Amino acid sequence: MKIPYIKEVSIYNQDKFSTDKFEVIRRFVDTYLEKQIELYDMFGAINSFINFKNVEKDNVFEVEGKIIGVKNIFSIAGVIKPSHVEIFEDTAYHYFTSEGTPAKGAKKIYKSWMDKALEFRDHWYIIE
């Protein structure tokens, strides 16, 4: 049965992809997320520098909106339901600030997203 709101090529249908298609997508997402983590770290360092003597610490540059952010990947992946976007985004930001290399963080985010997408699909949390 086809579930409304799901594109054929989406995170919710990842288990139906061919091995080759899945591998291409996995490599793209891992690389994208790794760069997002690096940008998040860089923007954190820049914000610390520009706010050095600023008691308010209110001069803040954010990655999202200034450079291609994680919300764009949700659109590509077919995640449109706001509650899902929020959960996937929270997962990403959790790992953006965790210990380890950007590559390891990216892999953790990717794995978490894949598991959560299948959970949503299998429990019909997709239908609005």
C-alpha atoms as a PDB file:
ATOM      1  CA  MET A   1       0.000   0.000   0.000  1.00  0.00           C
ATOM      2  CA  LYS A   2       1.350   3.426  -0.942  1.00  0.00           C
ATOM      3  CA  ILE A   3       1.502   5.877   1.935  1.00  0.00           C
ATOM      4  CA  PRO A   4       0.458   9.472   1.163  1.00  0.00           C
ATOM      5  CA  TYR A   5       3.127  12.200   1.224  1.00  0.00           C
ATOM      6  CA  ILE A   6       6.049   9.868   0.440  1.00  0.00           C
ATOM      7  CA  LYS A   7       8.067  10.295  -2.722  1.00  0.00           C
ATOM      8  CA  GLU A   8       9.503   7.134  -4.262  1.00  0.00           C
ATOM      9  CA  VAL A   9      13.042   8.290  -3.539  1.00  0.00           C
ATOM     10  CA  SER A  10      12.812   9.392   0.067  1.00  0.00           C
ATOM     11  CA  ILE A  11      14.345   8.614   3.409  1.00  0.00           C
ATOM     12  CA  TYR A  12      11.174   6.698   4.270  1.00  0.00           C
ATOM     13  CA  ASN A  13      11.769   4.215   1.436  1.00  0.00           C
ATOM     14  CA  GLN A  14      15.509   3.740   1.924  1.00  0.00           C
ATOM     15  CA  ASP A  15      15.171   0.014   2.575  1.00  0.00           C
ATOM     16  CA  LYS A  16      13.727  -0.417  -0.904  1.00  0.00           C
ATOM     17  CA  PHE A  17      16.691   1.190  -2.725  1.00  0.00           C
ATOM     18  CA  SER A  18      19.136  -0.860  -4.701  1.00  0.00           C
ATOM     19  CA  THR A  19      22.514  -1.304  -3.013  1.00  0.00           C
ATOM     20  CA  ASP A  20      24.166   1.015  -5.560  1.00  0.00           C
ATOM     21  CA  LYS A  21      21.560   3.769  -5.210  1.00  0.00           C
ATOM     22  CA  PHE A  22      21.660   3.539  -1.423  1.00  0.00           C
ATOM     23  CA  GLU A  23      25.462   3.737  -1.364  1.00  0.00           C
ATOM     24  CA  VAL A  24      25.514   6.864  -3.545  1.00  0.00           C
ATOM     25  CA  ILE A  25      22.955   8.554  -1.334  1.00  0.00           C
ATOM     26  CA  ARG A  26      24.745   7.459   1.853  1.00  0.00           C
ATOM     27  CA  ARG A  27      28.066   8.881   0.662  1.00  0.00           C
ATOM     28  CA  PHE A  28      26.441  12.167  -0.350  1.00  0.00           C
ATOM     29  CA  VAL A  29      24.632  12.578   2.964  1.00  0.00           C
ATOM     30  CA  ASP A  30      27.670  11.580   5.042  1.00  0.00           C
ATOM     31  CA  THR A  31      29.851  14.112   3.214  1.00  0.00           C
ATOM     32  CA  TYR A  32      27.186  16.810   3.445  1.00  0.00           C
ATOM     33  CA  LEU A  33      26.734  16.256   7.174  1.00  0.00           C
ATOM     34  CA  GLU A  34      30.466  16.156   7.797  1.00  0.00           C
ATOM     35  CA  LYS A  35      30.800  19.580   6.157  1.00  0.00           C
ATOM     36  CA  GLN A  36      27.843  20.884   8.180  1.00  0.00           C
ATOM     37  CA  ILE A  37      29.552  19.822  11.404  1.00  0.00           C
ATOM     38  CA  GLU A  38      32.777  21.518  10.310  1.00  0.00           C
ATOM     39  CA  LEU A  39      30.843  24.703   9.484  1.00  0.00           C
ATOM     40  CA  TYR A  40      29.022  24.563  12.809  1.00  0.00           C
ATOM     41  CA  ASP A  41      32.389  24.328  14.597  1.00  0.00           C
ATOM     42  CA  MET A  42      33.858  27.138  12.498  1.00  0.00           C
ATOM     43  CA  PHE A  43      30.897  29.446  13.094  1.00  0.00           C
ATOM     44  CA  GLY A  44      31.170  28.699  16.833  1.00  0.00           C
ATOM     45  CA  ALA A  45      34.809  29.787  16.797  1.00  0.00           C
ATOM     46  CA  ILE A  46      33.976  32.931  14.795  1.00  0.00           C
ATOM     47  CA  ASN A  47      31.144  33.805  17.172  1.00  0.00           C
ATOM     48  CA  SER A  48      33.460  33.399  20.167  1.00  0.00           C
ATOM     49  CA  PHE A  49      36.043  35.651  18.514  1.00  0.00           C
ATOM     50  CA  ILE A  50      33.657  38.462  17.511  1.00  0.00           C
ATOM     51  CA  ASN A  51      32.000  38.396  20.936  1.00  0.00           C
ATOM     52  CA  PHE A  52      35.282  38.345  22.887  1.00  0.00           C
ATOM     53  CA  LYS A  53      34.650  41.589  24.777  1.00  0.00           C
ATOM     54  CA  ASN A  54      30.930  41.721  24.127  1.00  0.00           C
ATOM     55  CA  VAL A  55      29.168  41.055  27.429  1.00  0.00           C
ATOM     56  CA  GLU A  56      25.856  40.464  25.633  1.00  0.00           C
ATOM     57  CA  LYS A  57      27.363  37.823  23.279  1.00  0.00           C
ATOM     58  CA  ASP A  58      24.704  38.835  20.757  1.00  0.00           C
ATOM     59  CA  ASN A  59      26.749  39.070  17.559  1.00  0.00           C
ATOM     60  CA  VAL A  60      25.952  35.634  16.233  1.00  0.00           C
ATOM     61  CA  PHE A  61      26.332  34.112  12.810  1.00  0.00           C
ATOM     62  CA  GLU A  62      24.390  30.909  12.265  1.00  0.00           C
ATOM     63  CA  VAL A  63      25.116  28.262   9.667  1.00  0.00           C
ATOM     64  CA  GLU A  64      21.441  27.676   8.911  1.00  0.00           C
ATOM     65  CA  GLY A  65      20.231  30.427   6.613  1.00  0.00           C
ATOM     66  CA  LYS A  66      23.706  31.802   5.865  1.00  0.00           C
ATOM     67  CA  ILE A  67      25.011  28.732   4.075  1.00  0.00           C
ATOM     68  CA  ILE A  68      23.200  25.666   2.811  1.00  0.00           C
ATOM     69  CA  GLY A  69      21.888  24.130   6.021  1.00  0.00           C
ATOM     70  CA  VAL A  70      20.496  20.793   7.108  1.00  0.00           C
ATOM     71  CA  LYS A  71      16.918  21.784   6.259  1.00  0.00           C
ATOM     72  CA  ASN A  72      17.836  21.537   2.578  1.00  0.00           C
ATOM     73  CA  ILE A  73      18.743  17.891   2.966  1.00  0.00           C
ATOM     74  CA  PHE A  74      15.315  17.205   4.462  1.00  0.00           C
ATOM     75  CA  SER A  75      13.666  18.604   1.371  1.00  0.00           C
ATOM     76  CA  ILE A  76      15.837  16.419  -0.849  1.00  0.00           C
ATOM     77  CA  ALA A  77      15.081  13.400   1.353  1.00  0.00           C
ATOM     78  CA  GLY A  78      11.319  13.939   1.164  1.00  0.00           C
ATOM     79  CA  VAL A  79      10.860  15.002   4.792  1.00  0.00           C
ATOM     80  CA  ILE A  80       8.094  17.595   4.735  1.00  0.00           C
ATOM     81  CA  LYS A  81       6.058  16.980   7.880  1.00  0.00           C
ATOM     82  CA  PRO A  82       7.076  19.728  10.360  1.00  0.00           C
ATOM     83  CA  SER A  83       7.232  17.379  13.350  1.00  0.00           C
ATOM     84  CA  HIS A  84       9.609  15.090  11.443  1.00  0.00           C
ATOM     85  CA  VAL A  85      11.775  18.006  10.322  1.00  0.00           C
ATOM     86  CA  GLU A  86      12.050  19.087  13.951  1.00  0.00           C
ATOM     87  CA  ILE A  87      13.063  15.607  15.149  1.00  0.00           C
ATOM     88  CA  PHE A  88      15.643  15.150  12.379  1.00  0.00           C
ATOM     89  CA  GLU A  89      16.993  18.645  12.995  1.00  0.00           C
ATOM     90  CA  ASP A  90      17.274  18.071  16.759  1.00  0.00           C
ATOM     91  CA  THR A  91      19.177  14.849  16.073  1.00  0.00           C
ATOM     92  CA  ALA A  92      21.615  16.659  13.791  1.00  0.00           C
ATOM     93  CA  TYR A  93      22.267  19.468  16.265  1.00  0.00           C
ATOM     94  CA  HIS A  94      22.776  16.977  19.072  1.00  0.00           C
ATOM     95  CA  TYR A  95      25.614  15.342  17.137  1.00  0.00           C
ATOM     96  CA  PHE A  96      26.977  18.680  15.891  1.00  0.00           C
ATOM     97  CA  THR A  97      28.004  19.418  19.463  1.00  0.00           C
ATOM     98  CA  SER A  98      29.099  15.922  20.496  1.00  0.00           C
ATOM     99  CA  GLU A  99      32.648  14.656  20.916  1.00  0.00           C
ATOM    100  CA  GLY A 100      34.494  13.093  18.012  1.00  0.00           C
ATOM    101  CA  THR A 101      35.411  13.890  14.453  1.00  0.00           C
ATOM    102  CA  PRO A 102      32.969  15.425  11.970  1.00  0.00           C
ATOM    103  CA  ALA A 103      33.053  12.159   9.981  1.00  0.00           C
ATOM    104  CA  LYS A 104      31.997  10.133  13.030  1.00  0.00           C
ATOM    105  CA  GLY A 105      29.294  12.652  13.888  1.00  0.00           C
ATOM    106  CA  ALA A 106      27.980  12.538  10.323  1.00  0.00           C
ATOM    107  CA  LYS A 107      27.748   8.745  10.428  1.00  0.00           C
ATOM    108  CA  LYS A 108      25.873   8.882  13.747  1.00  0.00           C
ATOM    109  CA  ILE A 109      23.407  11.434  12.371  1.00  0.00           C
ATOM    110  CA  TYR A 110      22.877   9.417   9.205  1.00  0.00           C
ATOM    111  CA  LYS A 111      22.265   6.177  11.122  1.00  0.00           C
ATOM    112  CA  SER A 112      19.867   7.877  13.503  1.00  0.00           C
ATOM    113  CA  TRP A 113      17.945   9.482  10.629  1.00  0.00           C
ATOM    114  CA  MET A 114      17.650   6.182   8.761  1.00  0.00           C
ATOM    115  CA  ASP A 115      16.348   4.358  11.825  1.00  0.00           C
ATOM    116  CA  LYS A 116      13.889   7.123  12.704  1.00  0.00           C
ATOM    117  CA  ALA A 117      12.544   7.349   9.129  1.00  0.00           C
ATOM    118  CA  LEU A 118      11.757   3.639   9.045  1.00  0.00           C
ATOM    119  CA  GLU A 119      10.145   3.888  12.477  1.00  0.00           C
ATOM    120  CA  PHE A 120       7.925   6.732  11.243  1.00  0.00           C
ATOM    121  CA  ARG A 121       6.966   4.820   8.119  1.00  0.00           C
ATOM    122  CA  ASP A 122       6.361   1.505   9.854  1.00  0.00           C
ATOM    123  CA  HIS A 123       4.171   3.088  12.516  1.00  0.00           C
ATOM    124  CA  TRP A 124       2.237   5.328  10.106  1.00  0.00           C
ATOM    125  CA  TYR A 125       3.532   8.533  11.649  1.00  0.00           C
ATOM    126  CA  ILE A 126       3.737   9.988   8.167  1.00  0.00           C
ATOM    127  CA  ILE A 127       0.097  10.685   7.483  1.00  0.00           C
ATOM    128  CA  GLU A 128      -0.903  14.159   8.630  1.00  0.00           C
END
